[in-house]
PDB file of all heavy atoms in Angstrom:
ATOM      1  N   LEU A   1      -5.946  12.155  -1.688  1.00  0.00           N
ATOM      2  CA  LEU A   1      -6.541  12.991  -2.730  1.00  0.00           C
ATOM      3  C   LEU A   1      -6.207  14.446  -2.499  1.00  0.00           C
ATOM      4  O   LEU A   1      -6.073  14.897  -1.365  1.00  0.00           O
ATOM      5  CB  LEU A   1      -8.052  12.805  -2.765  1.00  0.00           C
ATOM      6  CG  LEU A   1      -8.566  11.431  -3.217  1.00  0.00           C
ATOM      7  CD1 LEU A   1     -10.063  11.463  -3.345  1.00  0.00           C
ATOM      8  CD2 LEU A   1      -7.924  11.023  -4.554  1.00  0.00           C
ATOM      9  N   GLN A   2      -6.102  15.159  -3.585  1.00  0.00           N
ATOM     10  CA  GLN A   2      -5.787  16.589  -3.543  1.00  0.00           C
ATOM     11  C   GLN A   2      -7.056  17.411  -3.857  1.00  0.00           C
ATOM     12  O   GLN A   2      -8.080  16.869  -4.240  1.00  0.00           O
ATOM     13  CB  GLN A   2      -4.692  16.919  -4.541  1.00  0.00           C
ATOM     14  CG  GLN A   2      -3.373  16.191  -4.247  1.00  0.00           C
ATOM     15  CD  GLN A   2      -2.336  16.396  -5.333  1.00  0.00           C
ATOM     16  OE1 GLN A   2      -2.602  16.226  -6.515  1.00  0.00           O
ATOM     17  NE2 GLN A   2      -1.128  16.774  -4.919  1.00  0.00           N
ATOM     18  N   ARG A   3      -6.939  18.688  -3.593  1.00  0.00           N
ATOM     19  CA  ARG A   3      -8.020  19.649  -3.894  1.00  0.00           C
ATOM     20  C   ARG A   3      -9.220  19.477  -2.975  1.00  0.00           C
ATOM     21  O   ARG A   3      -9.138  19.696  -1.788  1.00  0.00           O
ATOM     22  CB  ARG A   3      -8.419  19.570  -5.366  1.00  0.00           C
ATOM     23  CG  ARG A   3      -7.297  19.993  -6.336  1.00  0.00           C
ATOM     24  CD  ARG A   3      -7.777  20.050  -7.754  1.00  0.00           C
ATOM     25  NE  ARG A   3      -6.687  20.446  -8.649  1.00  0.00           N
ATOM     26  CZ  ARG A   3      -6.820  20.520  -9.965  1.00  0.00           C
ATOM     27  NH1 ARG A   3      -7.987  20.229 -10.537  1.00  0.00           N
ATOM     28  NH2 ARG A   3      -5.803  20.892 -10.713  1.00  0.00           N
ATOM     29  N   ASN A   4     -10.355  18.985  -3.519  1.00  0.00           N
ATOM     30  CA  ASN A   4     -11.626  19.136  -2.810  1.00  0.00           C
ATOM     31  C   ASN A   4     -12.000  17.974  -1.892  1.00  0.00           C
ATOM     32  O   ASN A   4     -13.081  17.998  -1.308  1.00  0.00           O
ATOM     33  CB  ASN A   4     -12.748  19.348  -3.831  1.00  0.00           C
ATOM     34  CG  ASN A   4     -12.545  20.614  -4.638  1.00  0.00           C
ATOM     35  OD1 ASN A   4     -12.058  21.622  -4.112  1.00  0.00           O
ATOM     36  ND2 ASN A   4     -12.905  20.559  -5.910  1.00  0.00           N
ATOM     37  N   HIS A   5     -11.172  16.938  -1.803  1.00  0.00           N
ATOM     38  CA  HIS A   5     -11.584  15.754  -1.027  1.00  0.00           C
ATOM     39  C   HIS A   5     -10.533  15.392   0.003  1.00  0.00           C
ATOM     40  O   HIS A   5      -9.345  15.315  -0.301  1.00  0.00           O
ATOM     41  CB  HIS A   5     -11.824  14.567  -1.950  1.00  0.00           C
ATOM     42  CG  HIS A   5     -12.927  14.790  -2.939  1.00  0.00           C
ATOM     43  ND1 HIS A   5     -14.262  14.760  -2.565  1.00  0.00           N
ATOM     44  CD2 HIS A   5     -12.916  15.066  -4.261  1.00  0.00           C
ATOM     45  CE1 HIS A   5     -15.003  15.000  -3.626  1.00  0.00           C
ATOM     46  NE2 HIS A   5     -14.226  15.191  -4.657  1.00  0.00           N
ATOM     47  N   ASP A   6     -10.988  15.164   1.248  1.00  0.00           N
ATOM     48  CA  ASP A   6     -10.122  14.702   2.309  1.00  0.00           C
ATOM     49  C   ASP A   6     -10.255  13.186   2.361  1.00  0.00           C
ATOM     50  O   ASP A   6     -11.022  12.639   3.158  1.00  0.00           O
ATOM     51  CB  ASP A   6     -10.551  15.331   3.641  1.00  0.00           C
ATOM     52  CG  ASP A   6      -9.713  14.864   4.808  1.00  0.00           C
ATOM     53  OD1 ASP A   6      -8.583  14.431   4.552  1.00  0.00           O
ATOM     54  OD2 ASP A   6     -10.201  14.905   5.937  1.00  0.00           O
ATOM     55  N   CYS A   7      -9.532  12.502   1.500  1.00  0.00           N
ATOM     56  CA  CYS A   7      -9.666  11.062   1.324  1.00  0.00           C
ATOM     57  C   CYS A   7      -8.285  10.450   1.161  1.00  0.00           C
ATOM     58  O   CYS A   7      -7.431  11.012   0.465  1.00  0.00           O
ATOM     59  CB  CYS A   7     -10.537  10.766   0.124  1.00  0.00           C
ATOM     60  SG  CYS A   7     -10.604   9.028  -0.360  1.00  0.00           S
ATOM     61  N   SER A   8      -8.080   9.303   1.811  1.00  0.00           N
ATOM     62  CA  SER A   8      -6.812   8.615   1.693  1.00  0.00           C
ATOM     63  C   SER A   8      -7.068   7.130   1.443  1.00  0.00           C
ATOM     64  O   SER A   8      -8.088   6.577   1.837  1.00  0.00           O
ATOM     65  CB  SER A   8      -5.981   8.778   2.964  1.00  0.00           C
ATOM     66  OG  SER A   8      -5.644  10.128   3.170  1.00  0.00           O
ATOM     67  N   ILE A   9      -6.109   6.501   0.753  1.00  0.00           N
ATOM     68  CA  ILE A   9      -6.208   5.072   0.439  1.00  0.00           C
ATOM     69  C   ILE A   9      -4.873   4.420   0.720  1.00  0.00           C
ATOM     70  O   ILE A   9      -3.806   4.959   0.372  1.00  0.00           O
ATOM     71  CB  ILE A   9      -6.682   4.864  -1.012  1.00  0.00           C
ATOM     72  CG1 ILE A   9      -6.769   3.363  -1.353  1.00  0.00           C
ATOM     73  CG2 ILE A   9      -5.798   5.593  -2.003  1.00  0.00           C
ATOM     74  CD1 ILE A   9      -7.472   3.090  -2.665  1.00  0.00           C
ATOM     75  N   LEU A  10      -4.902   3.282   1.396  1.00  0.00           N
ATOM     76  CA  LEU A  10      -3.678   2.601   1.847  1.00  0.00           C
ATOM     77  C   LEU A  10      -3.654   1.169   1.324  1.00  0.00           C
ATOM     78  O   LEU A  10      -4.696   0.503   1.265  1.00  0.00           O
ATOM     79  CB  LEU A  10      -3.609   2.532   3.384  1.00  0.00           C
ATOM     80  CG  LEU A  10      -3.472   3.802   4.201  1.00  0.00           C
ATOM     81  CD1 LEU A  10      -4.752   4.633   4.214  1.00  0.00           C
ATOM     82  CD2 LEU A  10      -3.116   3.437   5.649  1.00  0.00           C
ATOM     83  N   LEU A  11      -2.466   0.703   0.981  1.00  0.00           N
ATOM     84  CA  LEU A  11      -2.204  -0.707   0.689  1.00  0.00           C
ATOM     85  C   LEU A  11      -1.297  -1.228   1.800  1.00  0.00           C
ATOM     86  O   LEU A  11      -0.223  -0.699   2.019  1.00  0.00           O
ATOM     87  CB  LEU A  11      -1.554  -0.869  -0.676  1.00  0.00           C
ATOM     88  CG  LEU A  11      -1.135  -2.288  -1.084  1.00  0.00           C
ATOM     89  CD1 LEU A  11      -2.345  -3.223  -1.147  1.00  0.00           C
ATOM     90  CD2 LEU A  11      -0.421  -2.257  -2.441  1.00  0.00           C
ATOM     91  N   VAL A  12      -1.763  -2.268   2.490  1.00  0.00           N
ATOM     92  CA  VAL A  12      -1.094  -2.719   3.714  1.00  0.00           C
ATOM     93  C   VAL A  12      -0.671  -4.183   3.583  1.00  0.00           C
ATOM     94  O   VAL A  12      -1.463  -5.037   3.138  1.00  0.00           O
ATOM     95  CB  VAL A  12      -2.055  -2.580   4.919  1.00  0.00           C
ATOM     96  CG1 VAL A  12      -1.413  -3.101   6.193  1.00  0.00           C
ATOM     97  CG2 VAL A  12      -2.494  -1.127   5.077  1.00  0.00           C
ATOM     98  N   PHE A  13       0.573  -4.476   3.981  1.00  0.00           N
ATOM     99  CA  PHE A  13       1.043  -5.851   4.104  1.00  0.00           C
ATOM    100  C   PHE A  13       1.782  -5.994   5.438  1.00  0.00           C
ATOM    101  O   PHE A  13       2.436  -5.050   5.885  1.00  0.00           O
ATOM    102  CB  PHE A  13       2.075  -6.183   3.005  1.00  0.00           C
ATOM    103  CG  PHE A  13       1.560  -6.124   1.598  1.00  0.00           C
ATOM    104  CD1 PHE A  13       1.767  -4.996   0.826  1.00  0.00           C
ATOM    105  CD2 PHE A  13       0.892  -7.212   1.048  1.00  0.00           C
ATOM    106  CE1 PHE A  13       1.304  -4.926  -0.480  1.00  0.00           C
ATOM    107  CE2 PHE A  13       0.424  -7.160  -0.263  1.00  0.00           C
ATOM    108  CZ  PHE A  13       0.641  -6.020  -1.024  1.00  0.00           C
ATOM    109  N   ASP A  14       1.686  -7.185   6.044  1.00  0.00           N
ATOM    110  CA  ASP A  14       2.662  -7.426   7.085  1.00  0.00           C
ATOM    111  C   ASP A  14       4.011  -7.675   6.401  1.00  0.00           C
ATOM    112  O   ASP A  14       4.096  -7.886   5.178  1.00  0.00           O
ATOM    113  CB  ASP A  14       2.231  -8.576   8.016  1.00  0.00           C
ATOM    114  CG  ASP A  14       2.270  -9.955   7.383  1.00  0.00           C
ATOM    115  OD1 ASP A  14       3.169 -10.244   6.586  1.00  0.00           O
ATOM    116  OD2 ASP A  14       1.384 -10.768   7.686  1.00  0.00           O
ATOM    117  N   ARG A  15       5.092  -7.622   7.179  1.00  0.00           N
ATOM    118  CA  ARG A  15       6.431  -7.635   6.572  1.00  0.00           C
ATOM    119  C   ARG A  15       6.698  -8.907   5.790  1.00  0.00           C
ATOM    120  O   ARG A  15       7.298  -8.865   4.705  1.00  0.00           O
ATOM    121  CB  ARG A  15       7.486  -7.432   7.673  1.00  0.00           C
ATOM    122  CG  ARG A  15       8.897  -7.174   7.149  1.00  0.00           C
ATOM    123  CD  ARG A  15       8.886  -5.920   6.304  1.00  0.00           C
ATOM    124  NE  ARG A  15      10.157  -5.706   5.666  1.00  0.00           N
ATOM    125  CZ  ARG A  15      11.128  -4.915   6.161  1.00  0.00           C
ATOM    126  NH1 ARG A  15      10.940  -4.298   7.322  1.00  0.00           N
ATOM    127  NH2 ARG A  15      12.251  -4.739   5.505  1.00  0.00           N
ATOM    128  N   GLU A  16       6.233 -10.025   6.293  1.00  0.00           N
ATOM    129  CA  GLU A  16       6.467 -11.304   5.622  1.00  0.00           C
ATOM    130  C   GLU A  16       5.791 -11.325   4.253  1.00  0.00           C
ATOM    131  O   GLU A  16       6.363 -11.761   3.249  1.00  0.00           O
ATOM    132  CB  GLU A  16       5.972 -12.457   6.480  1.00  0.00           C
ATOM    133  CG  GLU A  16       6.227 -13.815   5.884  1.00  0.00           C
ATOM    134  CD  GLU A  16       5.771 -14.952   6.787  1.00  0.00           C
ATOM    135  OE1 GLU A  16       5.568 -14.717   7.993  1.00  0.00           O
ATOM    136  OE2 GLU A  16       5.622 -16.086   6.286  1.00  0.00           O
ATOM    137  N   GLU A  17       4.517 -10.878   4.218  1.00  0.00           N
ATOM    138  CA  GLU A  17       3.800 -10.887   2.928  1.00  0.00           C
ATOM    139  C   GLU A  17       4.414  -9.858   1.948  1.00  0.00           C
ATOM    140  O   GLU A  17       4.470 -10.117   0.739  1.00  0.00           O
ATOM    141  CB  GLU A  17       2.303 -10.565   3.166  1.00  0.00           C
ATOM    142  CG  GLU A  17       1.591 -11.610   4.003  1.00  0.00           C
ATOM    143  CD  GLU A  17       1.564 -12.980   3.353  1.00  0.00           C
ATOM    144  OE1 GLU A  17       0.941 -13.125   2.283  1.00  0.00           O
ATOM    145  OE2 GLU A  17       2.190 -13.908   3.924  1.00  0.00           O
ATOM    146  N   ALA A  18       4.843  -8.710   2.440  1.00  0.00           N
ATOM    147  CA  ALA A  18       5.493  -7.726   1.599  1.00  0.00           C
ATOM    148  C   ALA A  18       6.758  -8.302   0.994  1.00  0.00           C
ATOM    149  O   ALA A  18       7.042  -8.099  -0.209  1.00  0.00           O
ATOM    150  CB  ALA A  18       5.826  -6.478   2.388  1.00  0.00           C
ATOM    151  N   ASP A  19       7.517  -9.061   1.765  1.00  0.00           N
ATOM    152  CA  ASP A  19       8.745  -9.679   1.250  1.00  0.00           C
ATOM    153  C   ASP A  19       8.438 -10.696   0.161  1.00  0.00           C
ATOM    154  O   ASP A  19       9.185 -10.830  -0.828  1.00  0.00           O
ATOM    155  CB  ASP A  19       9.526 -10.353   2.377  1.00  0.00           C
ATOM    156  CG  ASP A  19      10.228  -9.343   3.295  1.00  0.00           C
ATOM    157  OD1 ASP A  19      10.361  -8.166   2.881  1.00  0.00           O
ATOM    158  OD2 ASP A  19      10.596  -9.722   4.415  1.00  0.00           O
ATOM    159  N   LYS A  20       7.320 -11.424   0.300  1.00  0.00           N
ATOM    160  CA  LYS A  20       6.913 -12.360  -0.752  1.00  0.00           C
ATOM    161  C   LYS A  20       6.614 -11.624  -2.043  1.00  0.00           C
ATOM    162  O   LYS A  20       7.017 -12.059  -3.145  1.00  0.00           O
ATOM    163  CB  LYS A  20       5.664 -13.134  -0.313  1.00  0.00           C
ATOM    164  CG  LYS A  20       5.868 -14.149   0.785  1.00  0.00           C
ATOM    165  CD  LYS A  20       4.528 -14.830   1.063  1.00  0.00           C
ATOM    166  CE  LYS A  20       4.588 -15.752   2.241  1.00  0.00           C
ATOM    167  NZ  LYS A  20       3.259 -16.358   2.529  1.00  0.00           N
ATOM    168  N   MET A  21       5.909 -10.495  -1.953  1.00  0.00           N
ATOM    169  CA  MET A  21       5.571  -9.729  -3.125  1.00  0.00           C
ATOM    170  C   MET A  21       6.824  -9.143  -3.783  1.00  0.00           C
ATOM    171  O   MET A  21       6.994  -9.174  -5.005  1.00  0.00           O
ATOM    172  CB  MET A  21       4.587  -8.594  -2.772  1.00  0.00           C
ATOM    173  CG  MET A  21       4.179  -7.744  -3.957  1.00  0.00           C
ATOM    174  SD  MET A  21       3.292  -8.649  -5.247  1.00  0.00           S
ATOM    175  CE  MET A  21       1.659  -8.740  -4.515  1.00  0.00           C
ATOM    176  N   LEU A  22       7.748  -8.660  -2.965  1.00  0.00           N
ATOM    177  CA  LEU A  22       8.990  -8.121  -3.500  1.00  0.00           C
ATOM    178  C   LEU A  22       9.825  -9.190  -4.170  1.00  0.00           C
ATOM    179  O   LEU A  22      10.499  -8.943  -5.176  1.00  0.00           O
ATOM    180  CB  LEU A  22       9.800  -7.447  -2.380  1.00  0.00           C
ATOM    181  CG  LEU A  22       9.264  -6.103  -1.905  1.00  0.00           C
ATOM    182  CD1 LEU A  22      10.045  -5.638  -0.671  1.00  0.00           C
ATOM    183  CD2 LEU A  22       9.345  -5.052  -3.001  1.00  0.00           C
ATOM    184  N   SER A  23       9.769 -10.407  -3.640  1.00  0.00           N
ATOM    185  CA  SER A  23      10.501 -11.516  -4.261  1.00  0.00           C
ATOM    186  C   SER A  23       9.956 -11.820  -5.654  1.00  0.00           C
ATOM    187  O   SER A  23      10.720 -12.052  -6.600  1.00  0.00           O
ATOM    188  CB  SER A  23      10.381 -12.766  -3.374  1.00  0.00           C
ATOM    189  OG  SER A  23      11.045 -13.859  -3.971  1.00  0.00           O
ATOM    190  N   ILE A  24       8.634 -11.804  -5.795  1.00  0.00           N
ATOM    191  CA  ILE A  24       8.017 -12.002  -7.110  1.00  0.00           C
ATOM    192  C   ILE A  24       8.404 -10.887  -8.070  1.00  0.00           C
ATOM    193  O   ILE A  24       8.751 -11.123  -9.245  1.00  0.00           O
ATOM    194  CB  ILE A  24       6.485 -12.116  -6.982  1.00  0.00           C
ATOM    195  CG1 ILE A  24       6.097 -13.411  -6.268  1.00  0.00           C
ATOM    196  CG2 ILE A  24       5.810 -12.034  -8.352  1.00  0.00           C
ATOM    197  CD1 ILE A  24       4.620 -13.513  -5.970  1.00  0.00           C
ATOM    198  N   MET A  25       8.371  -9.653  -7.596  1.00  0.00           N
ATOM    199  CA  MET A  25       8.709  -8.510  -8.423  1.00  0.00           C
ATOM    200  C   MET A  25      10.195  -8.544  -8.831  1.00  0.00           C
ATOM    201  O   MET A  25      10.541  -8.232  -9.961  1.00  0.00           O
ATOM    202  CB  MET A  25       8.371  -7.203  -7.723  1.00  0.00           C
ATOM    203  CG  MET A  25       6.876  -7.008  -7.487  1.00  0.00           C
ATOM    204  SD  MET A  25       6.443  -5.432  -6.709  1.00  0.00           S
ATOM    205  CE  MET A  25       6.642  -4.325  -8.107  1.00  0.00           C
TER     206      MET A  25
END
């Protein structure tokens, strides 16, 4: 987040699961 909030959000996959998602895409 920018400006007034020190906040972060992450989307995490292990490599195998990320490859599955990329294959679908």
